[in-house]
């Protein structure tokens, strides 16, 4: 995993069946499905963080979004402000001139267990949607190369 102290990773215990399902899919499909599941699980967390965000000119709350980490080796997302609102890290972590007033960490601490549990259910739902889409494409004769590989055709 990442060595940066700002990254948080969760190990899901008891998800062996889910890992077997993903093992049968192509890596690109697996990554896309995992990121979609992670984003859906993270939306309520981002909404709660927006509620607690500091009130400045008003656009800080709108800058807090869920984003996929595209250059990461493993499927990952971030929840937080965009690059334009870099100064929010001082509100969260504090600085030499400003005391810390965390607004992201307390929300994460309160919601992380619920998010981990709902991730498995969300992943199964995402896989089902993918399977339905593949079936429709197969019946229409418009199945992509990745879809044929996922179905073992």
N, C-alpha and C. Protein backbone atom coordinates (compact mmCIF):
# COMPACT_ATOMS: atom_id res chain seq x y z
N UNK A 1 0.85 -1.18 0.00
CA UNK A 1 0.00 0.00 0.00
C UNK A 1 0.89 1.24 0.00
N UNK A 2 0.26 2.38 0.03
CA UNK A 2 0.99 3.63 -0.02
C UNK A 2 1.73 3.87 1.29
N UNK A 3 2.90 4.47 1.17
CA UNK A 3 3.69 4.74 2.36
C UNK A 3 3.40 6.11 2.94
N UNK A 4 2.70 6.96 2.21
CA UNK A 4 2.37 8.30 2.66
C UNK A 4 1.42 8.22 3.85
N UNK A 5 1.67 8.99 4.88
CA UNK A 5 0.86 8.91 6.09
C UNK A 5 -0.54 9.49 5.89
N UNK A 6 -0.78 10.19 4.78
CA UNK A 6 -2.09 10.76 4.52
C UNK A 6 -3.04 9.77 3.86
N UNK A 7 -2.55 8.62 3.45
CA UNK A 7 -3.40 7.60 2.85
C UNK A 7 -3.96 6.71 3.94
N UNK A 8 -5.18 6.29 3.74
CA UNK A 8 -5.81 5.37 4.67
C UNK A 8 -6.26 4.17 3.86
N UNK A 9 -5.91 3.00 4.30
CA UNK A 9 -6.34 1.80 3.59
C UNK A 9 -7.12 0.92 4.57
N UNK A 10 -8.04 0.17 4.00
CA UNK A 10 -8.86 -0.73 4.80
C UNK A 10 -8.71 -2.13 4.24
N UNK A 11 -8.43 -3.06 5.08
CA UNK A 11 -8.38 -4.47 4.69
C UNK A 11 -9.74 -5.07 5.03
N UNK A 12 -10.41 -5.64 4.05
CA UNK A 12 -11.71 -6.26 4.27
C UNK A 12 -11.53 -7.74 4.57
N UNK A 13 -11.95 -8.14 5.72
CA UNK A 13 -11.89 -9.55 6.11
C UNK A 13 -13.20 -10.22 5.69
N UNK A 14 -13.11 -11.47 5.27
CA UNK A 14 -14.31 -12.20 4.91
C UNK A 14 -14.84 -11.88 3.53
N UNK A 15 -14.05 -11.31 2.68
CA UNK A 15 -14.49 -10.98 1.32
C UNK A 15 -13.84 -11.92 0.31
N UNK A 16 -13.58 -13.14 0.71
CA UNK A 16 -12.89 -14.10 -0.16
C UNK A 16 -13.71 -14.41 -1.41
N UNK A 17 -15.04 -14.51 -1.25
CA UNK A 17 -15.89 -14.79 -2.41
C UNK A 17 -15.81 -13.65 -3.42
N UNK A 18 -15.80 -12.43 -2.93
CA UNK A 18 -15.70 -11.26 -3.81
C UNK A 18 -14.37 -11.26 -4.55
N UNK A 19 -13.30 -11.63 -3.86
CA UNK A 19 -11.99 -11.69 -4.50
C UNK A 19 -11.97 -12.75 -5.60
N UNK A 20 -12.66 -13.87 -5.40
CA UNK A 20 -12.72 -14.91 -6.42
C UNK A 20 -13.46 -14.42 -7.65
N UNK A 21 -14.53 -13.66 -7.45
CA UNK A 21 -15.28 -13.12 -8.58
C UNK A 21 -14.41 -12.16 -9.37
N UNK A 22 -13.71 -11.27 -8.67
CA UNK A 22 -12.85 -10.31 -9.35
C UNK A 22 -11.66 -10.98 -10.03
N UNK A 23 -11.20 -12.08 -9.48
CA UNK A 23 -10.07 -12.78 -10.08
C UNK A 23 -10.41 -13.32 -11.47
N UNK A 24 -11.67 -13.58 -11.72
CA UNK A 24 -12.09 -14.08 -13.02
C UNK A 24 -12.28 -13.00 -14.06
N UNK A 25 -12.16 -11.74 -13.68
CA UNK A 25 -12.35 -10.63 -14.61
C UNK A 25 -11.01 -10.10 -15.10
N UNK A 26 -10.99 -9.47 -16.27
CA UNK A 26 -9.77 -8.80 -16.72
C UNK A 26 -9.40 -7.67 -15.74
N UNK A 27 -8.12 -7.37 -15.63
CA UNK A 27 -7.65 -6.36 -14.67
C UNK A 27 -8.29 -5.00 -14.91
N UNK A 28 -8.44 -4.60 -16.18
CA UNK A 28 -9.01 -3.28 -16.46
C UNK A 28 -10.47 -3.21 -16.01
N UNK A 29 -11.21 -4.30 -16.20
CA UNK A 29 -12.60 -4.35 -15.78
C UNK A 29 -12.68 -4.37 -14.26
N UNK A 30 -11.81 -5.15 -13.65
CA UNK A 30 -11.77 -5.23 -12.19
C UNK A 30 -11.53 -3.85 -11.58
N UNK A 31 -10.56 -3.13 -12.11
CA UNK A 31 -10.22 -1.80 -11.60
C UNK A 31 -11.41 -0.85 -11.75
N UNK A 32 -12.04 -0.87 -12.93
CA UNK A 32 -13.16 0.02 -13.18
C UNK A 32 -14.33 -0.27 -12.24
N UNK A 33 -14.62 -1.55 -12.02
CA UNK A 33 -15.72 -1.92 -11.13
C UNK A 33 -15.42 -1.57 -9.68
N UNK A 34 -14.18 -1.78 -9.26
CA UNK A 34 -13.81 -1.44 -7.88
C UNK A 34 -13.89 0.06 -7.63
N UNK A 35 -13.42 0.85 -8.58
CA UNK A 35 -13.47 2.31 -8.42
C UNK A 35 -14.92 2.78 -8.39
N UNK A 36 -15.77 2.20 -9.24
CA UNK A 36 -17.19 2.57 -9.22
C UNK A 36 -17.82 2.26 -7.87
N UNK A 37 -17.50 1.11 -7.31
CA UNK A 37 -18.03 0.73 -5.99
C UNK A 37 -17.51 1.66 -4.90
N UNK A 38 -16.22 1.94 -4.95
CA UNK A 38 -15.63 2.84 -3.95
C UNK A 38 -16.26 4.22 -4.00
N UNK A 39 -16.49 4.72 -5.21
CA UNK A 39 -17.10 6.05 -5.35
C UNK A 39 -18.51 6.08 -4.77
N UNK A 40 -19.30 5.04 -5.04
CA UNK A 40 -20.66 5.01 -4.51
C UNK A 40 -20.68 4.96 -2.99
N UNK A 41 -19.76 4.21 -2.42
CA UNK A 41 -19.69 4.10 -0.96
C UNK A 41 -19.21 5.42 -0.35
N UNK A 42 -18.36 6.15 -1.06
CA UNK A 42 -17.77 7.37 -0.52
C UNK A 42 -18.68 8.59 -0.63
N UNK A 43 -19.71 8.54 -1.46
CA UNK A 43 -20.58 9.72 -1.62
C UNK A 43 -21.21 10.21 -0.32
N UNK A 44 -21.77 9.32 0.53
CA UNK A 44 -22.32 9.83 1.80
C UNK A 44 -21.25 10.45 2.71
N UNK A 45 -20.04 9.93 2.64
CA UNK A 45 -18.96 10.50 3.44
C UNK A 45 -18.65 11.91 2.95
N UNK A 46 -18.57 12.10 1.64
CA UNK A 46 -18.29 13.42 1.08
C UNK A 46 -19.41 14.41 1.44
N UNK A 47 -20.64 13.95 1.42
CA UNK A 47 -21.77 14.82 1.79
C UNK A 47 -21.65 15.26 3.24
N UNK A 48 -21.30 14.34 4.12
CA UNK A 48 -21.14 14.69 5.54
C UNK A 48 -19.97 15.63 5.75
N UNK A 49 -18.89 15.44 5.01
CA UNK A 49 -17.73 16.34 5.12
C UNK A 49 -18.12 17.74 4.67
N UNK A 50 -18.90 17.84 3.60
CA UNK A 50 -19.34 19.17 3.11
C UNK A 50 -20.12 19.91 4.19
N UNK A 51 -20.92 19.19 4.95
CA UNK A 51 -21.71 19.83 6.01
C UNK A 51 -20.81 20.44 7.08
N UNK A 52 -19.68 19.79 7.36
CA UNK A 52 -18.79 20.25 8.42
C UNK A 52 -17.66 21.15 7.92
N UNK A 53 -17.58 21.37 6.61
CA UNK A 53 -16.48 22.17 6.05
C UNK A 53 -16.54 23.60 6.55
N UNK A 54 -15.36 24.24 6.67
CA UNK A 54 -15.34 25.63 7.12
C UNK A 54 -16.09 26.54 6.16
N UNK A 55 -16.73 27.54 6.72
CA UNK A 55 -17.50 28.47 5.90
C UNK A 55 -16.61 29.68 5.57
N UNK A 56 -16.19 29.78 4.34
CA UNK A 56 -15.43 30.96 3.91
C UNK A 56 -16.23 31.67 2.84
N UNK A 57 -15.73 31.73 1.65
CA UNK A 57 -16.45 32.40 0.57
C UNK A 57 -17.59 31.53 0.03
N UNK A 58 -17.67 30.30 0.47
CA UNK A 58 -18.78 29.45 0.08
C UNK A 58 -18.44 28.36 -0.90
N UNK A 59 -17.37 28.51 -1.64
CA UNK A 59 -17.07 27.49 -2.64
C UNK A 59 -16.20 26.37 -2.10
N UNK A 60 -15.77 26.44 -0.87
CA UNK A 60 -14.98 25.36 -0.29
C UNK A 60 -15.79 24.09 -0.18
N UNK A 61 -17.04 24.23 0.20
CA UNK A 61 -17.89 23.04 0.32
C UNK A 61 -18.09 22.36 -1.02
N UNK A 62 -18.24 23.15 -2.07
CA UNK A 62 -18.44 22.58 -3.40
C UNK A 62 -17.18 21.91 -3.93
N UNK A 63 -16.03 22.25 -3.38
CA UNK A 63 -14.78 21.67 -3.87
C UNK A 63 -14.53 20.27 -3.33
N UNK A 64 -15.27 19.86 -2.31
CA UNK A 64 -15.07 18.54 -1.71
C UNK A 64 -15.81 17.51 -2.55
N UNK A 65 -15.03 16.64 -3.17
CA UNK A 65 -15.58 15.65 -4.09
C UNK A 65 -14.88 14.32 -3.91
N UNK A 66 -15.45 13.31 -4.52
CA UNK A 66 -14.86 11.98 -4.57
C UNK A 66 -14.21 11.85 -5.94
N UNK A 67 -12.91 11.53 -5.95
CA UNK A 67 -12.17 11.42 -7.20
C UNK A 67 -11.39 10.11 -7.23
N UNK A 68 -11.29 9.54 -8.43
CA UNK A 68 -10.48 8.34 -8.62
C UNK A 68 -9.03 8.74 -8.74
N UNK A 69 -8.17 7.95 -8.15
CA UNK A 69 -6.72 8.17 -8.28
C UNK A 69 -6.26 7.38 -9.50
N UNK A 70 -6.15 8.06 -10.62
CA UNK A 70 -5.89 7.39 -11.89
C UNK A 70 -4.47 6.86 -12.01
N UNK A 71 -3.51 7.48 -11.35
CA UNK A 71 -2.11 7.06 -11.49
C UNK A 71 -1.68 6.08 -10.41
N UNK A 72 -2.60 5.65 -9.60
CA UNK A 72 -2.30 4.69 -8.54
C UNK A 72 -2.17 3.29 -9.13
N UNK A 73 -1.32 2.48 -8.52
CA UNK A 73 -1.13 1.10 -8.98
C UNK A 73 -2.33 0.24 -8.64
N UNK A 74 -3.06 0.59 -7.62
CA UNK A 74 -4.21 -0.17 -7.17
C UNK A 74 -5.44 0.73 -7.23
N UNK A 75 -6.64 0.17 -7.34
CA UNK A 75 -7.85 1.00 -7.38
C UNK A 75 -8.00 1.80 -6.09
N UNK A 76 -8.07 3.11 -6.21
CA UNK A 76 -8.17 3.97 -5.04
C UNK A 76 -8.92 5.24 -5.38
N UNK A 77 -9.48 5.86 -4.37
CA UNK A 77 -10.18 7.13 -4.52
C UNK A 77 -9.67 8.10 -3.46
N UNK A 78 -9.99 9.37 -3.66
CA UNK A 78 -9.74 10.38 -2.64
C UNK A 78 -11.04 11.10 -2.35
N UNK A 79 -11.18 11.54 -1.14
CA UNK A 79 -12.32 12.36 -0.74
C UNK A 79 -11.72 13.62 -0.15
N UNK A 80 -12.03 14.75 -0.73
CA UNK A 80 -11.49 15.99 -0.20
C UNK A 80 -11.57 17.12 -1.20
N UNK A 81 -10.98 18.25 -0.84
CA UNK A 81 -11.04 19.42 -1.71
C UNK A 81 -10.13 19.28 -2.93
N UNK A 82 -10.43 20.06 -3.96
CA UNK A 82 -9.60 20.05 -5.16
C UNK A 82 -8.33 20.88 -4.93
N UNK A 83 -7.48 20.92 -5.94
CA UNK A 83 -6.19 21.62 -5.82
C UNK A 83 -6.35 23.11 -5.62
N UNK A 84 -7.41 23.68 -6.13
CA UNK A 84 -7.65 25.12 -5.99
C UNK A 84 -7.90 25.50 -4.52
N UNK A 85 -8.37 24.56 -3.75
CA UNK A 85 -8.69 24.81 -2.33
C UNK A 85 -7.68 24.12 -1.42
N UNK A 86 -6.42 24.23 -1.75
CA UNK A 86 -5.33 23.61 -1.00
C UNK A 86 -5.26 24.10 0.43
N UNK A 87 -5.74 25.30 0.67
CA UNK A 87 -5.65 25.92 1.99
C UNK A 87 -6.52 25.21 3.03
N UNK A 88 -7.47 24.37 2.60
CA UNK A 88 -8.30 23.66 3.57
C UNK A 88 -7.50 22.66 4.40
N UNK A 89 -6.31 22.30 3.92
CA UNK A 89 -5.49 21.39 4.73
C UNK A 89 -5.04 22.08 6.02
N UNK A 90 -4.93 23.40 5.99
CA UNK A 90 -4.55 24.11 7.21
C UNK A 90 -5.69 24.11 8.22
N UNK A 91 -6.92 24.15 7.76
CA UNK A 91 -8.06 24.05 8.68
C UNK A 91 -8.11 22.65 9.28
N UNK A 92 -7.84 21.64 8.46
CA UNK A 92 -7.90 20.25 8.93
C UNK A 92 -6.74 19.91 9.86
N UNK A 93 -5.52 20.27 9.46
CA UNK A 93 -4.33 19.84 10.20
C UNK A 93 -3.71 20.91 11.09
N UNK A 94 -4.06 22.17 10.84
CA UNK A 94 -3.46 23.27 11.58
C UNK A 94 -2.12 23.67 10.97
N UNK A 95 -1.57 24.73 11.51
CA UNK A 95 -0.25 25.21 11.06
C UNK A 95 0.41 25.91 12.23
N UNK A 96 1.53 26.54 11.96
CA UNK A 96 2.22 27.27 13.02
C UNK A 96 1.43 28.47 13.51
N UNK A 97 0.54 28.97 12.69
CA UNK A 97 -0.25 30.16 13.04
C UNK A 97 -1.72 29.85 13.33
N UNK A 98 -2.14 28.64 13.06
CA UNK A 98 -3.56 28.31 13.16
C UNK A 98 -3.73 26.96 13.84
N UNK A 99 -4.64 26.90 14.78
CA UNK A 99 -4.93 25.64 15.45
C UNK A 99 -5.75 24.74 14.51
N UNK A 100 -5.57 23.46 14.67
CA UNK A 100 -6.31 22.51 13.84
C UNK A 100 -7.78 22.50 14.22
N UNK A 101 -8.63 22.50 13.20
CA UNK A 101 -10.08 22.36 13.39
C UNK A 101 -10.54 21.28 12.41
N UNK A 102 -10.28 20.03 12.75
CA UNK A 102 -10.58 18.95 11.80
C UNK A 102 -12.06 18.89 11.44
N UNK A 103 -12.32 18.75 10.16
CA UNK A 103 -13.69 18.58 9.69
C UNK A 103 -13.83 17.33 8.83
N UNK A 104 -12.72 16.77 8.35
CA UNK A 104 -12.78 15.55 7.54
C UNK A 104 -12.56 14.30 8.38
N UNK A 105 -11.57 14.33 9.24
CA UNK A 105 -11.20 13.14 10.01
C UNK A 105 -12.32 12.65 10.93
N UNK A 106 -13.02 13.54 11.66
CA UNK A 106 -14.11 13.04 12.51
C UNK A 106 -15.22 12.35 11.72
N UNK A 107 -15.52 12.87 10.53
CA UNK A 107 -16.54 12.23 9.69
C UNK A 107 -16.06 10.86 9.26
N UNK A 108 -14.79 10.78 8.82
CA UNK A 108 -14.24 9.49 8.40
C UNK A 108 -14.26 8.49 9.55
N UNK A 109 -13.84 8.91 10.73
CA UNK A 109 -13.82 8.00 11.87
C UNK A 109 -15.22 7.48 12.21
N UNK A 110 -16.22 8.35 12.04
CA UNK A 110 -17.59 7.95 12.36
C UNK A 110 -18.19 7.01 11.31
N UNK A 111 -17.75 7.14 10.06
CA UNK A 111 -18.42 6.42 8.97
C UNK A 111 -17.60 5.30 8.33
N UNK A 112 -16.36 5.11 8.74
CA UNK A 112 -15.50 4.15 8.04
C UNK A 112 -15.96 2.70 8.18
N UNK A 113 -16.46 2.30 9.33
CA UNK A 113 -16.92 0.92 9.49
C UNK A 113 -18.15 0.64 8.65
N UNK A 114 -19.07 1.59 8.62
CA UNK A 114 -20.26 1.46 7.79
C UNK A 114 -19.87 1.39 6.31
N UNK A 115 -18.91 2.21 5.91
CA UNK A 115 -18.47 2.22 4.51
C UNK A 115 -17.82 0.89 4.14
N UNK A 116 -17.03 0.33 5.02
CA UNK A 116 -16.37 -0.95 4.73
C UNK A 116 -17.40 -2.07 4.56
N UNK A 117 -18.43 -2.06 5.39
CA UNK A 117 -19.46 -3.08 5.27
C UNK A 117 -20.28 -2.92 3.99
N UNK A 118 -20.61 -1.69 3.66
CA UNK A 118 -21.43 -1.48 2.48
C UNK A 118 -20.64 -1.64 1.19
N UNK A 119 -19.30 -1.61 1.26
CA UNK A 119 -18.48 -1.78 0.06
C UNK A 119 -18.69 -3.15 -0.57
N UNK A 120 -18.77 -4.18 0.23
CA UNK A 120 -18.95 -5.53 -0.31
C UNK A 120 -20.29 -5.64 -1.02
N UNK A 121 -21.35 -5.14 -0.39
CA UNK A 121 -22.67 -5.19 -1.02
C UNK A 121 -22.69 -4.35 -2.30
N UNK A 122 -22.08 -3.20 -2.25
CA UNK A 122 -22.02 -2.33 -3.42
C UNK A 122 -21.23 -2.98 -4.55
N UNK A 123 -20.18 -3.69 -4.22
CA UNK A 123 -19.38 -4.37 -5.24
C UNK A 123 -20.19 -5.45 -5.93
N UNK A 124 -20.95 -6.22 -5.16
CA UNK A 124 -21.80 -7.24 -5.78
C UNK A 124 -22.84 -6.59 -6.70
N UNK A 125 -23.41 -5.47 -6.27
CA UNK A 125 -24.37 -4.76 -7.11
C UNK A 125 -23.74 -4.24 -8.39
N UNK A 126 -22.52 -3.75 -8.30
CA UNK A 126 -21.82 -3.26 -9.48
C UNK A 126 -21.51 -4.40 -10.44
N UNK A 127 -21.11 -5.55 -9.91
CA UNK A 127 -20.83 -6.71 -10.75
C UNK A 127 -22.10 -7.19 -11.44
N UNK A 128 -23.24 -7.18 -10.73
CA UNK A 128 -24.51 -7.58 -11.34
C UNK A 128 -24.89 -6.65 -12.49
N UNK A 129 -24.71 -5.33 -12.28
CA UNK A 129 -25.01 -4.37 -13.36
C UNK A 129 -24.11 -4.62 -14.56
N UNK A 130 -22.85 -4.90 -14.30
CA UNK A 130 -21.90 -5.19 -15.38
C UNK A 130 -22.32 -6.45 -16.13
N UNK A 131 -22.75 -7.48 -15.40
CA UNK A 131 -23.16 -8.73 -16.03
C UNK A 131 -24.40 -8.52 -16.90
N UNK A 132 -25.36 -7.72 -16.42
CA UNK A 132 -26.56 -7.43 -17.21
C UNK A 132 -26.18 -6.70 -18.49
N UNK A 133 -25.27 -5.73 -18.37
CA UNK A 133 -24.83 -4.98 -19.55
C UNK A 133 -24.11 -5.90 -20.54
N UNK A 134 -23.28 -6.80 -20.05
CA UNK A 134 -22.60 -7.75 -20.93
C UNK A 134 -23.61 -8.66 -21.64
N UNK A 135 -24.62 -9.10 -20.91
CA UNK A 135 -25.62 -9.98 -21.51
C UNK A 135 -26.37 -9.26 -22.64
N UNK A 136 -26.74 -7.99 -22.40
CA UNK A 136 -27.43 -7.22 -23.43
C UNK A 136 -26.54 -7.03 -24.65
N UNK A 137 -25.25 -6.74 -24.42
CA UNK A 137 -24.32 -6.57 -25.53
C UNK A 137 -24.13 -7.87 -26.28
N UNK A 138 -24.09 -8.98 -25.57
CA UNK A 138 -23.90 -10.28 -26.22
C UNK A 138 -25.10 -10.62 -27.10
N UNK A 139 -26.32 -10.37 -26.61
CA UNK A 139 -27.52 -10.64 -27.41
C UNK A 139 -27.60 -9.73 -28.64
N UNK A 140 -27.09 -8.50 -28.50
CA UNK A 140 -27.13 -7.55 -29.61
C UNK A 140 -25.97 -7.77 -30.59
N UNK A 141 -25.01 -8.62 -30.22
CA UNK A 141 -23.86 -8.87 -31.08
C UNK A 141 -22.83 -7.75 -31.04
N UNK A 142 -22.83 -6.97 -29.98
CA UNK A 142 -21.92 -5.82 -29.87
C UNK A 142 -21.00 -5.94 -28.66
N UNK A 143 -20.55 -7.12 -28.40
CA UNK A 143 -19.72 -7.37 -27.23
C UNK A 143 -18.29 -6.97 -27.51
N UNK A 144 -17.70 -6.20 -26.61
CA UNK A 144 -16.33 -5.74 -26.77
C UNK A 144 -15.34 -6.87 -26.49
N UNK A 145 -14.08 -6.62 -26.78
CA UNK A 145 -13.03 -7.61 -26.53
C UNK A 145 -12.92 -7.91 -25.03
N UNK A 146 -12.99 -6.84 -24.21
CA UNK A 146 -12.92 -7.04 -22.76
C UNK A 146 -14.14 -7.83 -22.26
N UNK A 147 -15.29 -7.57 -22.87
CA UNK A 147 -16.50 -8.31 -22.49
C UNK A 147 -16.40 -9.78 -22.85
N UNK A 148 -15.87 -10.06 -24.05
CA UNK A 148 -15.68 -11.46 -24.44
C UNK A 148 -14.71 -12.16 -23.50
N UNK A 149 -13.66 -11.43 -23.11
CA UNK A 149 -12.66 -12.01 -22.19
C UNK A 149 -13.29 -12.26 -20.82
N UNK A 150 -14.14 -11.32 -20.36
CA UNK A 150 -14.78 -11.48 -19.07
C UNK A 150 -15.73 -12.67 -19.06
N UNK A 151 -16.36 -12.94 -20.20
CA UNK A 151 -17.27 -14.07 -20.29
C UNK A 151 -16.56 -15.37 -20.66
N UNK A 152 -15.28 -15.28 -21.02
CA UNK A 152 -14.52 -16.46 -21.39
C UNK A 152 -14.83 -16.94 -22.80
N UNK A 153 -15.23 -16.02 -23.65
CA UNK A 153 -15.57 -16.37 -25.04
C UNK A 153 -14.36 -16.16 -25.94
